[in-house]
Amino acid sequence: MKDDKITKIDFIEILQKKVGYIIKNKNEANKIFNTIIEIFQRALSSNYTIELRGFGTFSIKTIPEHERVWKLKYDKCVQEKTIPEYKSVKFKPTNTLLEKINEKEPQDVKKNEV
């Protein structure tokens, strides 16, 4: 595990330690985590915006059909391709989150789990 990455397993362990009096084991924490992810997926796939105060807003952005041109470095040819319309997830952090990210001495979530 990298020190600069939190995986799903890490997240579940932190969640269980933080609210262990409510969540008795990692299996329950895993179910809660999966339920939250499922809610996010369903809401976003239905074009809902998810607003989490103090954290940020997740929304869906539709990218219209467009032409994409690739110029190959060592070749004289140019490739063109039409990219069909697709949806992308957009995240806009709140000022509170941006302030936390830019703190001079951030708290390490892995060291301060409880």
N, C-alpha and C. Protein backbone atom coordinates (compact mmCIF):
# COMPACT_ATOMS: atom_id res chain seq x y z
N MET A 1 0.83 -1.19 0.00
CA MET A 1 0.00 0.00 0.00
C MET A 1 0.88 1.26 0.00
N LYS A 2 0.56 2.19 -0.87
CA LYS A 2 1.29 3.45 -0.91
C LYS A 2 0.87 4.31 0.26
N ASP A 3 1.79 5.15 0.73
CA ASP A 3 1.46 6.05 1.83
C ASP A 3 0.58 7.21 1.40
N ASP A 4 0.58 7.53 0.12
CA ASP A 4 -0.19 8.68 -0.36
C ASP A 4 -1.52 8.29 -0.99
N LYS A 5 -2.00 7.10 -0.68
CA LYS A 5 -3.25 6.63 -1.26
C LYS A 5 -4.07 5.92 -0.18
N ILE A 6 -5.37 6.16 -0.21
CA ILE A 6 -6.28 5.45 0.69
C ILE A 6 -7.17 4.59 -0.18
N THR A 7 -7.10 3.29 0.02
CA THR A 7 -7.91 2.34 -0.74
C THR A 7 -9.26 2.14 -0.06
N LYS A 8 -10.12 1.39 -0.70
CA LYS A 8 -11.42 1.08 -0.12
C LYS A 8 -11.23 0.36 1.22
N ILE A 9 -10.29 -0.56 1.29
CA ILE A 9 -10.03 -1.30 2.53
C ILE A 9 -9.57 -0.35 3.63
N ASP A 10 -8.65 0.58 3.29
CA ASP A 10 -8.19 1.57 4.27
C ASP A 10 -9.37 2.40 4.78
N PHE A 11 -10.20 2.84 3.84
CA PHE A 11 -11.35 3.67 4.19
C PHE A 11 -12.28 2.93 5.15
N ILE A 12 -12.54 1.67 4.85
CA ILE A 12 -13.43 0.86 5.70
C ILE A 12 -12.82 0.69 7.09
N GLU A 13 -11.52 0.45 7.18
CA GLU A 13 -10.86 0.32 8.47
C GLU A 13 -10.95 1.61 9.28
N ILE A 14 -10.73 2.74 8.63
CA ILE A 14 -10.81 4.04 9.30
C ILE A 14 -12.25 4.29 9.77
N LEU A 15 -13.22 4.00 8.89
CA LEU A 15 -14.63 4.17 9.24
C LEU A 15 -15.01 3.33 10.46
N GLN A 16 -14.58 2.09 10.46
CA GLN A 16 -14.91 1.19 11.57
C GLN A 16 -14.26 1.66 12.87
N LYS A 17 -13.03 2.16 12.80
CA LYS A 17 -12.35 2.64 14.00
C LYS A 17 -12.98 3.93 14.51
N LYS A 18 -13.38 4.82 13.59
CA LYS A 18 -13.96 6.11 13.99
C LYS A 18 -15.31 5.94 14.66
N VAL A 19 -16.14 5.04 14.17
CA VAL A 19 -17.48 4.86 14.72
C VAL A 19 -17.69 3.41 15.15
N GLY A 20 -16.69 2.85 15.77
CA GLY A 20 -16.72 1.46 16.20
C GLY A 20 -17.82 1.16 17.20
N TYR A 21 -18.27 2.19 17.93
CA TYR A 21 -19.36 1.98 18.89
C TYR A 21 -20.69 1.76 18.17
N ILE A 22 -20.78 2.16 16.90
CA ILE A 22 -21.99 1.95 16.11
C ILE A 22 -21.79 0.76 15.16
N ILE A 23 -20.64 0.75 14.50
CA ILE A 23 -20.31 -0.31 13.54
C ILE A 23 -19.43 -1.32 14.27
N LYS A 24 -19.96 -2.50 14.48
CA LYS A 24 -19.28 -3.48 15.32
C LYS A 24 -18.09 -4.18 14.64
N ASN A 25 -18.13 -4.32 13.31
CA ASN A 25 -17.03 -5.02 12.64
C ASN A 25 -16.83 -4.46 11.23
N LYS A 26 -15.77 -4.91 10.58
CA LYS A 26 -15.43 -4.42 9.24
C LYS A 26 -16.47 -4.84 8.21
N ASN A 27 -17.14 -5.95 8.43
CA ASN A 27 -18.17 -6.40 7.50
C ASN A 27 -19.32 -5.38 7.45
N GLU A 28 -19.73 -4.90 8.61
CA GLU A 28 -20.79 -3.88 8.66
C GLU A 28 -20.30 -2.59 8.01
N ALA A 29 -19.06 -2.20 8.29
CA ALA A 29 -18.49 -0.99 7.69
C ALA A 29 -18.45 -1.12 6.17
N ASN A 30 -18.11 -2.31 5.68
CA ASN A 30 -18.06 -2.56 4.24
C ASN A 30 -19.46 -2.41 3.63
N LYS A 31 -20.49 -2.94 4.31
CA LYS A 31 -21.86 -2.81 3.81
C LYS A 31 -22.29 -1.34 3.75
N ILE A 32 -21.94 -0.58 4.76
CA ILE A 32 -22.28 0.85 4.79
C ILE A 32 -21.56 1.58 3.66
N PHE A 33 -20.28 1.31 3.49
CA PHE A 33 -19.50 1.95 2.43
C PHE A 33 -20.10 1.62 1.06
N ASN A 34 -20.39 0.34 0.82
CA ASN A 34 -20.96 -0.08 -0.47
C ASN A 34 -22.32 0.57 -0.71
N THR A 35 -23.11 0.73 0.34
CA THR A 35 -24.42 1.39 0.22
C THR A 35 -24.25 2.85 -0.17
N ILE A 36 -23.30 3.52 0.44
CA ILE A 36 -23.03 4.93 0.10
C ILE A 36 -22.60 5.05 -1.37
N ILE A 37 -21.72 4.18 -1.81
CA ILE A 37 -21.26 4.21 -3.20
C ILE A 37 -22.43 3.93 -4.15
N GLU A 38 -23.29 2.98 -3.78
CA GLU A 38 -24.46 2.66 -4.62
C GLU A 38 -25.40 3.86 -4.72
N ILE A 39 -25.60 4.57 -3.62
CA ILE A 39 -26.45 5.76 -3.64
C ILE A 39 -25.85 6.81 -4.57
N PHE A 40 -24.54 7.03 -4.48
CA PHE A 40 -23.85 7.97 -5.38
C PHE A 40 -24.06 7.55 -6.84
N GLN A 41 -23.84 6.28 -7.14
CA GLN A 41 -23.96 5.80 -8.52
C GLN A 41 -25.38 5.98 -9.05
N ARG A 42 -26.36 5.61 -8.27
CA ARG A 42 -27.76 5.74 -8.71
C ARG A 42 -28.15 7.20 -8.90
N ALA A 43 -27.76 8.05 -7.96
CA ALA A 43 -28.11 9.47 -8.05
C ALA A 43 -27.45 10.11 -9.27
N LEU A 44 -26.17 9.87 -9.47
CA LEU A 44 -25.47 10.46 -10.59
C LEU A 44 -25.96 9.91 -11.92
N SER A 45 -26.25 8.61 -11.99
CA SER A 45 -26.74 8.04 -13.25
C SER A 45 -28.15 8.54 -13.57
N SER A 46 -28.87 9.07 -12.58
CA SER A 46 -30.19 9.66 -12.79
C SER A 46 -30.10 11.18 -12.96
N ASN A 47 -28.89 11.68 -13.14
CA ASN A 47 -28.61 13.12 -13.35
C ASN A 47 -28.91 14.00 -12.14
N TYR A 48 -28.90 13.42 -10.95
CA TYR A 48 -29.03 14.22 -9.74
C TYR A 48 -27.67 14.84 -9.41
N THR A 49 -27.71 15.99 -8.75
CA THR A 49 -26.51 16.61 -8.21
C THR A 49 -26.44 16.21 -6.75
N ILE A 50 -25.24 15.86 -6.29
CA ILE A 50 -25.04 15.49 -4.89
C ILE A 50 -24.25 16.60 -4.22
N GLU A 51 -24.87 17.25 -3.24
CA GLU A 51 -24.24 18.36 -2.54
C GLU A 51 -23.95 17.94 -1.11
N LEU A 52 -22.68 17.93 -0.74
CA LEU A 52 -22.27 17.59 0.62
C LEU A 52 -21.66 18.84 1.25
N ARG A 53 -22.42 19.46 2.12
CA ARG A 53 -21.96 20.71 2.75
C ARG A 53 -20.62 20.49 3.44
N GLY A 54 -19.72 21.43 3.23
CA GLY A 54 -18.40 21.35 3.84
C GLY A 54 -17.44 20.47 3.06
N PHE A 55 -17.91 19.83 2.00
CA PHE A 55 -17.05 18.95 1.21
C PHE A 55 -17.05 19.37 -0.26
N GLY A 56 -18.21 19.26 -0.91
CA GLY A 56 -18.26 19.65 -2.31
C GLY A 56 -19.51 19.15 -3.00
N THR A 57 -19.57 19.41 -4.30
CA THR A 57 -20.73 19.04 -5.11
C THR A 57 -20.30 18.17 -6.28
N PHE A 58 -21.00 17.04 -6.43
CA PHE A 58 -20.80 16.15 -7.56
C PHE A 58 -21.95 16.40 -8.53
N SER A 59 -21.64 16.55 -9.80
CA SER A 59 -22.68 16.74 -10.80
C SER A 59 -22.27 16.05 -12.09
N ILE A 60 -23.23 15.94 -12.99
CA ILE A 60 -22.99 15.31 -14.28
C ILE A 60 -22.86 16.40 -15.34
N LYS A 61 -21.83 16.28 -16.14
CA LYS A 61 -21.62 17.21 -17.25
C LYS A 61 -21.70 16.40 -18.54
N THR A 62 -22.54 16.86 -19.47
CA THR A 62 -22.67 16.19 -20.75
C THR A 62 -21.69 16.82 -21.73
N ILE A 63 -20.82 15.99 -22.29
CA ILE A 63 -19.85 16.45 -23.28
C ILE A 63 -20.46 16.16 -24.65
N PRO A 64 -20.69 17.20 -25.46
CA PRO A 64 -21.33 16.97 -26.76
C PRO A 64 -20.41 16.23 -27.73
N GLU A 65 -21.02 15.66 -28.77
CA GLU A 65 -20.24 14.99 -29.81
C GLU A 65 -19.28 16.00 -30.42
N HIS A 66 -18.04 15.56 -30.63
CA HIS A 66 -17.05 16.48 -31.18
C HIS A 66 -15.99 15.72 -31.98
N GLU A 67 -15.29 16.47 -32.79
CA GLU A 67 -14.20 15.90 -33.59
C GLU A 67 -12.91 15.97 -32.79
N ARG A 68 -12.13 14.94 -32.92
CA ARG A 68 -10.82 14.91 -32.25
C ARG A 68 -9.78 14.64 -33.32
N VAL A 69 -8.72 15.43 -33.32
CA VAL A 69 -7.67 15.29 -34.32
C VAL A 69 -6.37 14.94 -33.61
N TRP A 70 -5.73 13.90 -34.10
CA TRP A 70 -4.42 13.51 -33.58
C TRP A 70 -3.38 13.73 -34.67
N LYS A 71 -2.34 14.44 -34.34
CA LYS A 71 -1.22 14.58 -35.26
C LYS A 71 -0.11 13.70 -34.72
N LEU A 72 0.25 12.72 -35.50
CA LEU A 72 1.26 11.77 -35.06
C LEU A 72 2.64 12.40 -35.21
N LYS A 73 3.45 12.25 -34.19
CA LYS A 73 4.73 12.95 -34.11
C LYS A 73 5.68 12.61 -35.26
N TYR A 74 5.86 11.35 -35.55
CA TYR A 74 6.85 10.95 -36.55
C TYR A 74 6.23 10.62 -37.90
N ASP A 75 4.94 10.74 -37.97
CA ASP A 75 4.24 10.42 -39.20
C ASP A 75 3.71 11.72 -39.79
N LYS A 76 3.53 11.72 -41.07
CA LYS A 76 2.98 12.91 -41.73
C LYS A 76 1.46 12.89 -41.73
N CYS A 77 0.87 11.79 -41.26
CA CYS A 77 -0.59 11.68 -41.34
C CYS A 77 -1.27 12.26 -40.10
N VAL A 78 -2.50 12.63 -40.29
CA VAL A 78 -3.34 13.15 -39.23
C VAL A 78 -4.54 12.23 -39.11
N GLN A 79 -4.87 11.85 -37.89
CA GLN A 79 -6.02 10.99 -37.67
C GLN A 79 -7.16 11.82 -37.08
N GLU A 80 -8.33 11.63 -37.63
CA GLU A 80 -9.52 12.31 -37.12
C GLU A 80 -10.52 11.26 -36.66
N LYS A 81 -11.19 11.58 -35.59
CA LYS A 81 -12.18 10.65 -35.08
C LYS A 81 -13.31 11.46 -34.44
N THR A 82 -14.53 11.02 -34.64
CA THR A 82 -15.68 11.65 -34.01
C THR A 82 -15.90 10.98 -32.66
N ILE A 83 -15.88 11.78 -31.63
CA ILE A 83 -16.13 11.28 -30.28
C ILE A 83 -17.62 11.49 -30.00
N PRO A 84 -18.36 10.42 -29.71
CA PRO A 84 -19.80 10.58 -29.46
C PRO A 84 -20.05 11.30 -28.13
N GLU A 85 -21.26 11.83 -28.00
CA GLU A 85 -21.65 12.49 -26.75
C GLU A 85 -21.50 11.51 -25.58
N TYR A 86 -21.01 12.02 -24.46
CA TYR A 86 -20.87 11.19 -23.26
C TYR A 86 -21.02 12.06 -22.02
N LYS A 87 -21.20 11.41 -20.90
CA LYS A 87 -21.36 12.11 -19.63
C LYS A 87 -20.11 11.91 -18.78
N SER A 88 -19.81 12.93 -18.01
CA SER A 88 -18.64 12.89 -17.13
C SER A 88 -19.06 13.42 -15.76
N VAL A 89 -18.39 12.95 -14.71
CA VAL A 89 -18.68 13.43 -13.36
C VAL A 89 -17.79 14.64 -13.08
N LYS A 90 -18.42 15.69 -12.59
CA LYS A 90 -17.71 16.92 -12.24
C LYS A 90 -17.76 17.06 -10.72
N PHE A 91 -16.63 17.46 -10.11
CA PHE A 91 -16.59 17.69 -8.67
C PHE A 91 -16.12 19.11 -8.41
N LYS A 92 -16.88 19.85 -7.61
CA LYS A 92 -16.48 21.20 -7.23
C LYS A 92 -16.35 21.23 -5.71
N PRO A 93 -15.11 21.36 -5.21
CA PRO A 93 -14.91 21.38 -3.76
C PRO A 93 -15.41 22.68 -3.13
N THR A 94 -15.79 22.61 -1.86
CA THR A 94 -16.18 23.82 -1.13
C THR A 94 -14.92 24.55 -0.68
N ASN A 95 -15.10 25.78 -0.27
CA ASN A 95 -13.96 26.55 0.25
C ASN A 95 -13.40 25.90 1.51
N THR A 96 -14.27 25.30 2.32
CA THR A 96 -13.83 24.61 3.53
C THR A 96 -12.85 23.49 3.19
N LEU A 97 -13.19 22.68 2.19
CA LEU A 97 -12.30 21.59 1.77
C LEU A 97 -11.01 22.15 1.20
N LEU A 98 -11.09 23.18 0.39
CA LEU A 98 -9.88 23.78 -0.18
C LEU A 98 -8.95 24.33 0.91
N GLU A 99 -9.55 24.92 1.95
CA GLU A 99 -8.73 25.41 3.07
C GLU A 99 -8.03 24.25 3.77
N LYS A 100 -8.75 23.14 4.00
CA LYS A 100 -8.15 21.95 4.64
C LYS A 100 -7.00 21.41 3.79
N ILE A 101 -7.22 21.34 2.47
CA ILE A 101 -6.20 20.81 1.57
C ILE A 101 -4.94 21.67 1.61
N ASN A 102 -5.13 22.99 1.76
CA ASN A 102 -4.00 23.92 1.71
C ASN A 102 -3.42 24.28 3.07
N GLU A 103 -3.81 23.56 4.14
CA GLU A 103 -3.23 23.80 5.46
C GLU A 103 -1.73 23.55 5.43
N LYS A 104 -1.01 24.34 6.19
CA LYS A 104 0.45 24.18 6.24
C LYS A 104 0.84 22.88 6.94
N GLU A 105 0.08 22.48 7.96
CA GLU A 105 0.36 21.25 8.68
C GLU A 105 -0.89 20.36 8.67
N PRO A 106 -1.12 19.67 7.55
CA PRO A 106 -2.32 18.82 7.48
C PRO A 106 -2.23 17.63 8.42
N GLN A 107 -3.39 17.16 8.88
CA GLN A 107 -3.43 15.99 9.74
C GLN A 107 -3.44 14.74 8.87
N ASP A 108 -2.63 13.76 9.24
CA ASP A 108 -2.57 12.50 8.51
C ASP A 108 -3.71 11.60 8.99
N VAL A 109 -4.63 11.31 8.09
CA VAL A 109 -5.82 10.53 8.46
C VAL A 109 -5.43 9.12 8.92
N LYS A 110 -4.35 8.57 8.38
CA LYS A 110 -3.96 7.22 8.76
C LYS A 110 -3.36 7.18 10.17
N LYS A 111 -2.69 8.28 10.58
CA LYS A 111 -2.10 8.32 11.91
C LYS A 111 -3.12 8.76 12.97
N ASN A 112 -4.09 9.58 12.55
CA ASN A 112 -5.09 10.11 13.48
C ASN A 112 -6.44 9.49 13.22
N GLU A 113 -6.49 8.18 13.09
CA GLU A 113 -7.73 7.50 12.74
C GLU A 113 -8.80 7.61 13.80
N VAL A 114 -8.42 7.61 15.07
CA VAL A 114 -9.41 7.60 16.14
C VAL A 114 -9.37 8.88 16.91
